[in-house]
Amino acid sequence: MPFIDSKITVPVNAELKEELKSEMGKLISTLGKSETYLMVGIEDAYDLWLGGKKLEKGAYVSVSLYGNAPSDSYDKLTGQICNLFADKLGIPGDAVYVTYHPVADWGWNGRNF
């Protein structure tokens, strides 16, 4: 039950959003999860500031998942997300923040797991 929510400073067209969504569907396996129940949110043209300066190219990515994953898996996924955003959007890794939110209670379809 993972959710990857991305807030990106640059505008992203529908085709590129689809590409990013598909790539995140592959990357989520790093945390031992599959794309089957993955939800992805992409908010583009989002205002972000880092160190008091507005970022022309930057991103904040929040990864929530039911349960937990090993710390080294989170570290690996951070690198993969930074590489994806650098390759597809030209956003440097030092302008990408990634946070992880393990969740004990997750609801879906009228009940909790």
N, C-alpha and C. Protein backbone atom coordinates (compact mmCIF):
# COMPACT_ATOMS: atom_id res chain seq x y z
N MET A 1 0.81 -1.19 0.00
CA MET A 1 0.00 0.00 0.00
C MET A 1 0.86 1.25 0.00
N PRO A 2 1.80 1.38 -0.89
CA PRO A 2 2.62 2.59 -0.90
C PRO A 2 1.96 3.75 -1.65
N PHE A 3 2.38 4.95 -1.27
CA PHE A 3 1.97 6.17 -1.96
C PHE A 3 3.21 7.03 -2.15
N ILE A 4 3.50 7.41 -3.38
CA ILE A 4 4.61 8.30 -3.68
C ILE A 4 4.01 9.61 -4.17
N ASP A 5 4.23 10.67 -3.39
CA ASP A 5 3.68 11.98 -3.70
C ASP A 5 4.84 12.92 -4.04
N SER A 6 4.83 13.47 -5.24
CA SER A 6 5.92 14.34 -5.69
C SER A 6 5.42 15.75 -5.95
N LYS A 7 6.13 16.70 -5.41
CA LYS A 7 5.89 18.11 -5.69
C LYS A 7 7.13 18.61 -6.44
N ILE A 8 6.92 19.05 -7.68
CA ILE A 8 8.01 19.33 -8.60
C ILE A 8 7.88 20.77 -9.09
N THR A 9 8.98 21.51 -9.11
CA THR A 9 8.93 22.92 -9.49
C THR A 9 8.72 23.14 -10.98
N VAL A 10 9.12 22.20 -11.81
CA VAL A 10 9.04 22.39 -13.26
C VAL A 10 7.69 21.88 -13.79
N PRO A 11 7.19 22.49 -14.88
CA PRO A 11 5.98 21.96 -15.49
C PRO A 11 6.26 20.61 -16.15
N VAL A 12 5.31 19.69 -16.04
CA VAL A 12 5.48 18.34 -16.58
C VAL A 12 4.24 18.00 -17.40
N ASN A 13 4.44 17.64 -18.67
CA ASN A 13 3.28 17.30 -19.51
C ASN A 13 2.75 15.91 -19.16
N ALA A 14 1.59 15.59 -19.66
CA ALA A 14 0.91 14.33 -19.33
C ALA A 14 1.74 13.10 -19.71
N GLU A 15 2.41 13.16 -20.84
CA GLU A 15 3.23 12.03 -21.29
C GLU A 15 4.38 11.77 -20.32
N LEU A 16 5.03 12.83 -19.88
CA LEU A 16 6.15 12.69 -18.95
C LEU A 16 5.65 12.25 -17.56
N LYS A 17 4.49 12.73 -17.16
CA LYS A 17 3.92 12.26 -15.89
C LYS A 17 3.68 10.76 -15.94
N GLU A 18 3.19 10.28 -17.06
CA GLU A 18 2.96 8.84 -17.23
C GLU A 18 4.28 8.07 -17.13
N GLU A 19 5.32 8.62 -17.75
CA GLU A 19 6.65 7.99 -17.67
C GLU A 19 7.15 7.93 -16.24
N LEU A 20 7.04 9.05 -15.53
CA LEU A 20 7.48 9.10 -14.13
C LEU A 20 6.70 8.10 -13.29
N LYS A 21 5.39 8.05 -13.49
CA LYS A 21 4.54 7.11 -12.76
C LYS A 21 4.99 5.67 -13.01
N SER A 22 5.26 5.34 -14.26
CA SER A 22 5.70 3.99 -14.62
C SER A 22 7.05 3.65 -13.98
N GLU A 23 7.97 4.61 -14.02
CA GLU A 23 9.28 4.39 -13.41
C GLU A 23 9.17 4.19 -11.90
N MET A 24 8.32 4.99 -11.24
CA MET A 24 8.13 4.83 -9.80
C MET A 24 7.50 3.47 -9.49
N GLY A 25 6.66 2.99 -10.41
CA GLY A 25 6.08 1.66 -10.27
C GLY A 25 7.14 0.58 -10.24
N LYS A 26 8.21 0.77 -10.98
CA LYS A 26 9.34 -0.17 -10.97
C LYS A 26 10.19 0.02 -9.72
N LEU A 27 10.46 1.28 -9.37
CA LEU A 27 11.35 1.57 -8.25
C LEU A 27 10.80 1.12 -6.91
N ILE A 28 9.48 1.06 -6.76
CA ILE A 28 8.90 0.71 -5.47
C ILE A 28 9.29 -0.69 -5.03
N SER A 29 9.72 -1.52 -5.96
CA SER A 29 10.18 -2.87 -5.60
C SER A 29 11.41 -2.81 -4.70
N THR A 30 12.12 -1.70 -4.71
CA THR A 30 13.27 -1.50 -3.83
C THR A 30 12.85 -1.63 -2.36
N LEU A 31 11.61 -1.28 -2.06
CA LEU A 31 11.10 -1.38 -0.69
C LEU A 31 10.32 -2.68 -0.46
N GLY A 32 10.44 -3.60 -1.40
CA GLY A 32 9.74 -4.88 -1.27
C GLY A 32 8.26 -4.80 -1.57
N LYS A 33 7.84 -3.75 -2.26
CA LYS A 33 6.42 -3.56 -2.62
C LYS A 33 6.28 -3.68 -4.13
N SER A 34 5.04 -3.83 -4.60
CA SER A 34 4.81 -3.91 -6.04
C SER A 34 3.92 -2.75 -6.48
N GLU A 35 3.83 -2.58 -7.78
CA GLU A 35 3.01 -1.51 -8.34
C GLU A 35 1.51 -1.80 -8.20
N THR A 36 1.16 -3.02 -7.85
CA THR A 36 -0.25 -3.44 -7.80
C THR A 36 -1.12 -2.47 -7.01
N TYR A 37 -0.66 -2.04 -5.83
CA TYR A 37 -1.44 -1.13 -5.00
C TYR A 37 -0.77 0.23 -4.84
N LEU A 38 0.20 0.52 -5.67
CA LEU A 38 0.92 1.80 -5.59
C LEU A 38 0.04 2.94 -6.07
N MET A 39 -0.02 3.99 -5.27
CA MET A 39 -0.68 5.23 -5.69
C MET A 39 0.42 6.27 -5.89
N VAL A 40 0.33 7.03 -6.98
CA VAL A 40 1.33 8.05 -7.30
C VAL A 40 0.62 9.38 -7.49
N GLY A 41 1.17 10.42 -6.89
CA GLY A 41 0.69 11.77 -7.10
C GLY A 41 1.82 12.64 -7.62
N ILE A 42 1.55 13.42 -8.64
CA ILE A 42 2.57 14.31 -9.21
C ILE A 42 1.96 15.70 -9.33
N GLU A 43 2.50 16.62 -8.57
CA GLU A 43 2.06 18.02 -8.63
C GLU A 43 3.21 18.83 -9.21
N ASP A 44 3.02 19.34 -10.41
CA ASP A 44 4.09 20.08 -11.08
C ASP A 44 3.87 21.59 -10.95
N ALA A 45 4.85 22.36 -11.42
CA ALA A 45 4.83 23.82 -11.34
C ALA A 45 4.55 24.27 -9.90
N TYR A 46 5.17 23.59 -8.95
CA TYR A 46 4.97 23.81 -7.53
C TYR A 46 6.09 24.72 -7.00
N ASP A 47 5.75 25.69 -6.18
CA ASP A 47 6.77 26.58 -5.62
C ASP A 47 7.46 25.91 -4.44
N LEU A 48 8.79 25.83 -4.51
CA LEU A 48 9.61 25.30 -3.42
C LEU A 48 10.77 26.25 -3.16
N TRP A 49 11.10 26.40 -1.88
CA TRP A 49 12.26 27.19 -1.48
C TRP A 49 13.18 26.29 -0.69
N LEU A 50 14.47 26.46 -0.88
CA LEU A 50 15.48 25.71 -0.12
C LEU A 50 16.53 26.70 0.34
N GLY A 51 16.78 26.75 1.62
CA GLY A 51 17.76 27.69 2.17
C GLY A 51 17.37 29.13 1.93
N GLY A 52 16.07 29.40 1.86
CA GLY A 52 15.58 30.75 1.65
C GLY A 52 15.54 31.19 0.20
N LYS A 53 15.99 30.33 -0.71
CA LYS A 53 16.00 30.68 -2.14
C LYS A 53 14.99 29.83 -2.90
N LYS A 54 14.23 30.50 -3.77
CA LYS A 54 13.27 29.77 -4.59
C LYS A 54 14.02 28.89 -5.59
N LEU A 55 13.59 27.64 -5.67
CA LEU A 55 14.22 26.69 -6.58
C LEU A 55 13.58 26.77 -7.96
N GLU A 56 14.40 26.95 -8.98
CA GLU A 56 13.90 26.85 -10.35
C GLU A 56 13.66 25.38 -10.69
N LYS A 57 14.57 24.53 -10.22
CA LYS A 57 14.44 23.09 -10.42
C LYS A 57 14.65 22.41 -9.07
N GLY A 58 13.58 21.83 -8.57
CA GLY A 58 13.65 21.14 -7.29
C GLY A 58 12.44 20.23 -7.13
N ALA A 59 12.50 19.37 -6.11
CA ALA A 59 11.40 18.44 -5.86
C ALA A 59 11.38 18.02 -4.41
N TYR A 60 10.17 17.77 -3.92
CA TYR A 60 9.96 17.15 -2.62
C TYR A 60 9.15 15.89 -2.89
N VAL A 61 9.66 14.77 -2.41
CA VAL A 61 9.01 13.48 -2.63
C VAL A 61 8.73 12.84 -1.28
N SER A 62 7.48 12.50 -1.05
CA SER A 62 7.07 11.86 0.18
C SER A 62 6.64 10.43 -0.15
N VAL A 63 7.27 9.47 0.52
CA VAL A 63 6.96 8.06 0.28
C VAL A 63 6.32 7.48 1.54
N SER A 64 5.06 7.11 1.44
CA SER A 64 4.36 6.48 2.55
C SER A 64 4.17 5.01 2.20
N LEU A 65 4.32 4.14 3.20
CA LEU A 65 4.07 2.74 2.92
C LEU A 65 3.55 2.04 4.16
N TYR A 66 2.70 1.07 3.90
CA TYR A 66 2.16 0.24 4.97
C TYR A 66 3.28 -0.65 5.46
N GLY A 67 3.60 -0.54 6.73
CA GLY A 67 4.72 -1.29 7.28
C GLY A 67 5.99 -0.48 7.20
N ASN A 68 7.09 -1.16 7.17
CA ASN A 68 8.39 -0.52 7.18
C ASN A 68 9.32 -1.24 6.21
N ALA A 69 10.45 -0.64 5.94
CA ALA A 69 11.47 -1.26 5.10
C ALA A 69 12.83 -1.01 5.76
N PRO A 70 13.83 -1.79 5.42
CA PRO A 70 15.16 -1.57 5.98
C PRO A 70 15.73 -0.22 5.57
N SER A 71 16.51 0.36 6.44
CA SER A 71 17.11 1.68 6.19
C SER A 71 17.91 1.73 4.89
N ASP A 72 18.64 0.64 4.59
CA ASP A 72 19.44 0.63 3.36
C ASP A 72 18.54 0.64 2.11
N SER A 73 17.33 0.11 2.23
CA SER A 73 16.38 0.16 1.10
C SER A 73 15.91 1.59 0.87
N TYR A 74 15.64 2.31 1.96
CA TYR A 74 15.27 3.72 1.83
C TYR A 74 16.41 4.51 1.18
N ASP A 75 17.63 4.24 1.60
CA ASP A 75 18.79 4.93 1.04
C ASP A 75 18.91 4.65 -0.46
N LYS A 76 18.72 3.40 -0.84
CA LYS A 76 18.81 3.03 -2.26
C LYS A 76 17.71 3.72 -3.07
N LEU A 77 16.47 3.74 -2.53
CA LEU A 77 15.37 4.36 -3.25
C LEU A 77 15.59 5.87 -3.40
N THR A 78 16.15 6.51 -2.39
CA THR A 78 16.46 7.94 -2.50
C THR A 78 17.38 8.19 -3.70
N GLY A 79 18.42 7.38 -3.83
CA GLY A 79 19.32 7.52 -4.98
C GLY A 79 18.61 7.30 -6.30
N GLN A 80 17.74 6.31 -6.34
CA GLN A 80 17.00 6.01 -7.57
C GLN A 80 16.05 7.15 -7.95
N ILE A 81 15.37 7.72 -6.96
CA ILE A 81 14.47 8.85 -7.22
C ILE A 81 15.26 10.06 -7.70
N CYS A 82 16.37 10.34 -7.05
CA CYS A 82 17.21 11.47 -7.47
C CYS A 82 17.71 11.27 -8.90
N ASN A 83 18.12 10.06 -9.23
CA ASN A 83 18.58 9.78 -10.60
C ASN A 83 17.45 9.94 -11.61
N LEU A 84 16.26 9.45 -11.27
CA LEU A 84 15.10 9.57 -12.15
C LEU A 84 14.78 11.04 -12.43
N PHE A 85 14.75 11.85 -11.38
CA PHE A 85 14.41 13.26 -11.55
C PHE A 85 15.51 14.02 -12.28
N ALA A 86 16.76 13.62 -12.10
CA ALA A 86 17.85 14.25 -12.84
C ALA A 86 17.75 13.90 -14.33
N ASP A 87 17.52 12.62 -14.61
CA ASP A 87 17.46 12.15 -16.00
C ASP A 87 16.25 12.70 -16.75
N LYS A 88 15.09 12.65 -16.13
CA LYS A 88 13.84 13.00 -16.83
C LYS A 88 13.48 14.48 -16.74
N LEU A 89 13.92 15.16 -15.64
CA LEU A 89 13.48 16.53 -15.41
C LEU A 89 14.61 17.54 -15.28
N GLY A 90 15.86 17.04 -15.25
CA GLY A 90 16.99 17.95 -15.11
C GLY A 90 17.11 18.54 -13.71
N ILE A 91 16.51 17.89 -12.72
CA ILE A 91 16.59 18.38 -11.35
C ILE A 91 17.78 17.71 -10.66
N PRO A 92 18.73 18.50 -10.16
CA PRO A 92 19.90 17.91 -9.51
C PRO A 92 19.54 17.27 -8.17
N GLY A 93 20.27 16.25 -7.80
CA GLY A 93 20.00 15.53 -6.56
C GLY A 93 20.04 16.40 -5.32
N ASP A 94 20.87 17.46 -5.34
CA ASP A 94 20.95 18.31 -4.16
C ASP A 94 19.77 19.27 -4.05
N ALA A 95 18.82 19.16 -4.97
CA ALA A 95 17.58 19.95 -4.91
C ALA A 95 16.36 19.04 -4.78
N VAL A 96 16.59 17.80 -4.35
CA VAL A 96 15.51 16.83 -4.17
C VAL A 96 15.52 16.36 -2.72
N TYR A 97 14.42 16.58 -2.03
CA TYR A 97 14.24 16.03 -0.68
C TYR A 97 13.30 14.84 -0.79
N VAL A 98 13.66 13.74 -0.11
CA VAL A 98 12.82 12.55 -0.07
C VAL A 98 12.58 12.20 1.39
N THR A 99 11.32 12.05 1.76
CA THR A 99 11.00 11.63 3.13
C THR A 99 10.24 10.31 3.08
N TYR A 100 10.34 9.55 4.17
CA TYR A 100 9.70 8.24 4.27
C TYR A 100 8.78 8.22 5.48
N HIS A 101 7.62 7.64 5.26
CA HIS A 101 6.59 7.62 6.29
C HIS A 101 6.01 6.20 6.41
N PRO A 102 6.60 5.36 7.27
CA PRO A 102 6.00 4.05 7.52
C PRO A 102 4.68 4.24 8.27
N VAL A 103 3.66 3.49 7.88
CA VAL A 103 2.33 3.64 8.45
C VAL A 103 1.88 2.30 9.04
N ALA A 104 1.41 2.33 10.30
CA ALA A 104 0.95 1.11 10.96
C ALA A 104 -0.49 0.78 10.58
N ASP A 105 -1.31 1.79 10.39
CA ASP A 105 -2.72 1.58 10.05
C ASP A 105 -3.00 2.22 8.69
N TRP A 106 -3.50 1.40 7.77
CA TRP A 106 -3.77 1.88 6.42
C TRP A 106 -5.13 1.37 6.00
N GLY A 107 -5.99 2.28 5.60
CA GLY A 107 -7.34 1.89 5.21
C GLY A 107 -7.51 1.88 3.70
N TRP A 108 -8.35 0.96 3.25
CA TRP A 108 -8.67 0.83 1.84
C TRP A 108 -9.95 0.03 1.70
N ASN A 109 -10.79 0.43 0.82
CA ASN A 109 -12.00 -0.32 0.48
C ASN A 109 -12.89 -0.59 1.70
N GLY A 110 -13.01 0.42 2.57
CA GLY A 110 -13.92 0.34 3.70
C GLY A 110 -13.39 -0.36 4.94
N ARG A 111 -12.10 -0.71 4.94
CA ARG A 111 -11.53 -1.35 6.13
C ARG A 111 -10.04 -1.06 6.23
N ASN A 112 -9.46 -1.42 7.34
CA ASN A 112 -8.01 -1.25 7.54
C ASN A 112 -7.30 -2.60 7.46
N PHE A 113 -6.07 -2.54 7.04
CA PHE A 113 -5.24 -3.75 6.99
C PHE A 113 -4.71 -4.05 8.37
